[in-house]
């Protein structure tokens, strides 16, 4: 199992609208790609929120190949939609993990 982990710092002035967009549009669009079998959505606690709240979305892919298919075929469009809609109001940091146990 491969986990695609995205950590996002969201500006306070867009947080409510972004949460709706994330849960009602973006996550469903990513899941519709067929590359992932599940996802989890978190808000990090005990973080400096002076520049906004921090969220984490994890997408679970059955294999590294499924993740790579997403990155090569779908992610560029998804990232552009994010940029077009929210601009510099969001900072994203992405990592890829392998489930060990």
C-alpha atoms as a PDB file:
ATOM      1  CA  UNK A   1       0.000   0.000   0.000  1.00  0.00           C
ATOM      2  CA  UNK A   2       1.271   3.428  -0.994  1.00  0.00           C
ATOM      3  CA  UNK A   3       0.089   6.554   0.818  1.00  0.00           C
ATOM      4  CA  UNK A   4       0.084   9.933  -0.902  1.00  0.00           C
ATOM      5  CA  UNK A   5       0.234  12.491   1.918  1.00  0.00           C
ATOM      6  CA  UNK A   6      -0.548  16.159   1.301  1.00  0.00           C
ATOM      7  CA  UNK A   7      -0.058  18.700   4.089  1.00  0.00           C
ATOM      8  CA  UNK A   8      -1.684  22.084   3.515  1.00  0.00           C
ATOM      9  CA  UNK A   9      -1.488  25.401   5.336  1.00  0.00           C
ATOM     10  CA  UNK A  10      -4.720  27.278   4.618  1.00  0.00           C
ATOM     11  CA  UNK A  11      -5.146  31.037   5.059  1.00  0.00           C
ATOM     12  CA  UNK A  12      -7.862  31.898   7.586  1.00  0.00           C
ATOM     13  CA  UNK A  13      -9.840  34.073   5.155  1.00  0.00           C
ATOM     14  CA  UNK A  14     -10.565  31.120   2.833  1.00  0.00           C
ATOM     15  CA  UNK A  15     -10.650  28.238   5.312  1.00  0.00           C
ATOM     16  CA  UNK A  16     -14.431  27.713   5.462  1.00  0.00           C
ATOM     17  CA  UNK A  17     -14.880  27.915   1.693  1.00  0.00           C
ATOM     18  CA  UNK A  18     -11.811  25.737   1.108  1.00  0.00           C
ATOM     19  CA  UNK A  19     -13.096  23.041   3.482  1.00  0.00           C
ATOM     20  CA  UNK A  20     -16.355  22.846   1.530  1.00  0.00           C
ATOM     21  CA  UNK A  21     -14.507  22.722  -1.784  1.00  0.00           C
ATOM     22  CA  UNK A  22     -12.067  20.125  -0.477  1.00  0.00           C
ATOM     23  CA  UNK A  23     -14.758  17.776   0.848  1.00  0.00           C
ATOM     24  CA  UNK A  24     -17.405  18.309  -1.828  1.00  0.00           C
ATOM     25  CA  UNK A  25     -15.320  18.708  -4.967  1.00  0.00           C
ATOM     26  CA  UNK A  26     -11.575  18.081  -4.740  1.00  0.00           C
ATOM     27  CA  UNK A  27     -11.428  14.862  -2.715  1.00  0.00           C
ATOM     28  CA  UNK A  28     -14.290  13.305  -4.716  1.00  0.00           C
ATOM     29  CA  UNK A  29     -12.487  14.250  -7.962  1.00  0.00           C
ATOM     30  CA  UNK A  30      -9.235  12.653  -6.765  1.00  0.00           C
ATOM     31  CA  UNK A  31     -11.062   9.507  -5.658  1.00  0.00           C
ATOM     32  CA  UNK A  32     -12.899   9.355  -9.008  1.00  0.00           C
ATOM     33  CA  UNK A  33      -9.510   8.926 -10.714  1.00  0.00           C
ATOM     34  CA  UNK A  34      -9.611   5.269  -9.667  1.00  0.00           C
ATOM     35  CA  UNK A  35      -6.006   5.418  -8.446  1.00  0.00           C
ATOM     36  CA  UNK A  36      -6.878   5.317  -4.747  1.00  0.00           C
ATOM     37  CA  UNK A  37      -9.062   3.012  -2.682  1.00  0.00           C
ATOM     38  CA  UNK A  38      -9.521   5.220   0.395  1.00  0.00           C
ATOM     39  CA  UNK A  39      -8.621   8.561   1.916  1.00  0.00           C
ATOM     40  CA  UNK A  40      -8.375  10.252   5.321  1.00  0.00           C
ATOM     41  CA  UNK A  41      -8.704  13.955   6.048  1.00  0.00           C
ATOM     42  CA  UNK A  42      -7.198  15.523   9.179  1.00  0.00           C
ATOM     43  CA  UNK A  43      -6.697  18.890  10.842  1.00  0.00           C
ATOM     44  CA  UNK A  44      -3.394  19.063  12.689  1.00  0.00           C
ATOM     45  CA  UNK A  45      -3.618  20.108  16.329  1.00  0.00           C
ATOM     46  CA  UNK A  46      -1.057  21.862  18.478  1.00  0.00           C
ATOM     47  CA  UNK A  47       0.312  23.785  15.475  1.00  0.00           C
ATOM     48  CA  UNK A  48       1.113  27.461  15.081  1.00  0.00           C
ATOM     49  CA  UNK A  49      -2.038  28.765  13.398  1.00  0.00           C
ATOM     50  CA  UNK A  50      -0.955  32.391  13.138  1.00  0.00           C
ATOM     51  CA  UNK A  51      -0.841  31.998   9.338  1.00  0.00           C
ATOM     52  CA  UNK A  52      -3.731  29.547   9.129  1.00  0.00           C
ATOM     53  CA  UNK A  53      -4.793  26.036  10.021  1.00  0.00           C
ATOM     54  CA  UNK A  54      -2.868  22.990   8.821  1.00  0.00           C
ATOM     55  CA  UNK A  55      -4.663  20.054   7.222  1.00  0.00           C
ATOM     56  CA  UNK A  56      -3.509  16.671   5.966  1.00  0.00           C
ATOM     57  CA  UNK A  57      -5.140  14.546   3.287  1.00  0.00           C
ATOM     58  CA  UNK A  58      -3.926  10.987   2.812  1.00  0.00           C
ATOM     59  CA  UNK A  59      -4.871   8.951  -0.247  1.00  0.00           C
ATOM     60  CA  UNK A  60      -4.293   5.188  -0.199  1.00  0.00           C
ATOM     61  CA  UNK A  61      -3.177   3.507  -3.432  1.00  0.00           C
ATOM     62  CA  UNK A  62      -2.971  -0.285  -3.752  1.00  0.00           C
ATOM     63  CA  UNK A  63       0.418  -0.014  -5.455  1.00  0.00           C
ATOM     64  CA  UNK A  64       3.175   2.412  -6.337  1.00  0.00           C
ATOM     65  CA  UNK A  65       2.075   2.070  -9.980  1.00  0.00           C
ATOM     66  CA  UNK A  66      -1.415   3.355  -9.099  1.00  0.00           C
ATOM     67  CA  UNK A  67       0.116   6.340  -7.328  1.00  0.00           C
ATOM     68  CA  UNK A  68       2.439   7.025 -10.284  1.00  0.00           C
ATOM     69  CA  UNK A  69      -0.496   6.848 -12.688  1.00  0.00           C
ATOM     70  CA  UNK A  70      -2.243   9.506 -10.618  1.00  0.00           C
ATOM     71  CA  UNK A  71       0.867  11.726 -10.472  1.00  0.00           C
ATOM     72  CA  UNK A  72       1.504  11.467 -14.211  1.00  0.00           C
ATOM     73  CA  UNK A  73      -2.039  11.594 -15.584  1.00  0.00           C
ATOM     74  CA  UNK A  74      -4.281  13.355 -13.055  1.00  0.00           C
ATOM     75  CA  UNK A  75      -2.255  15.397 -10.553  1.00  0.00           C
ATOM     76  CA  UNK A  76      -1.219  18.192 -12.951  1.00  0.00           C
ATOM     77  CA  UNK A  77      -4.883  19.018 -13.622  1.00  0.00           C
ATOM     78  CA  UNK A  78      -5.804  18.792  -9.927  1.00  0.00           C
ATOM     79  CA  UNK A  79      -2.910  21.038  -8.895  1.00  0.00           C
ATOM     80  CA  UNK A  80      -3.836  23.615 -11.534  1.00  0.00           C
ATOM     81  CA  UNK A  81      -7.445  23.673 -10.306  1.00  0.00           C
ATOM     82  CA  UNK A  82      -6.178  24.271  -6.765  1.00  0.00           C
ATOM     83  CA  UNK A  83      -3.893  27.068  -7.937  1.00  0.00           C
ATOM     84  CA  UNK A  84      -6.577  28.673 -10.121  1.00  0.00           C
ATOM     85  CA  UNK A  85      -9.125  28.659  -7.322  1.00  0.00           C
ATOM     86  CA  UNK A  86      -7.012  29.521  -4.266  1.00  0.00           C
ATOM     87  CA  UNK A  87      -3.748  30.993  -5.583  1.00  0.00           C
ATOM     88  CA  UNK A  88      -1.200  31.705  -2.883  1.00  0.00           C
ATOM     89  CA  UNK A  89      -3.749  31.324  -0.050  1.00  0.00           C
ATOM     90  CA  UNK A  90      -2.635  27.694   0.351  1.00  0.00           C
ATOM     91  CA  UNK A  91       0.801  26.173   0.765  1.00  0.00           C
ATOM     92  CA  UNK A  92       1.047  22.435   0.050  1.00  0.00           C
ATOM     93  CA  UNK A  93       3.775  19.961   0.890  1.00  0.00           C
ATOM     94  CA  UNK A  94       3.538  16.439  -0.569  1.00  0.00           C
ATOM     95  CA  UNK A  95       5.140  13.176   0.540  1.00  0.00           C
ATOM     96  CA  UNK A  96       4.773   9.543  -0.461  1.00  0.00           C
ATOM     97  CA  UNK A  97       4.872   6.769   2.103  1.00  0.00           C
ATOM     98  CA  UNK A  98       4.792   2.986   2.065  1.00  0.00           C
ATOM     99  CA  UNK A  99       2.734   1.138   4.672  1.00  0.00           C
ATOM    100  CA  UNK A 100       5.110  -1.058   6.670  1.00  0.00           C
ATOM    101  CA  UNK A 101       2.692  -2.842   8.962  1.00  0.00           C
END
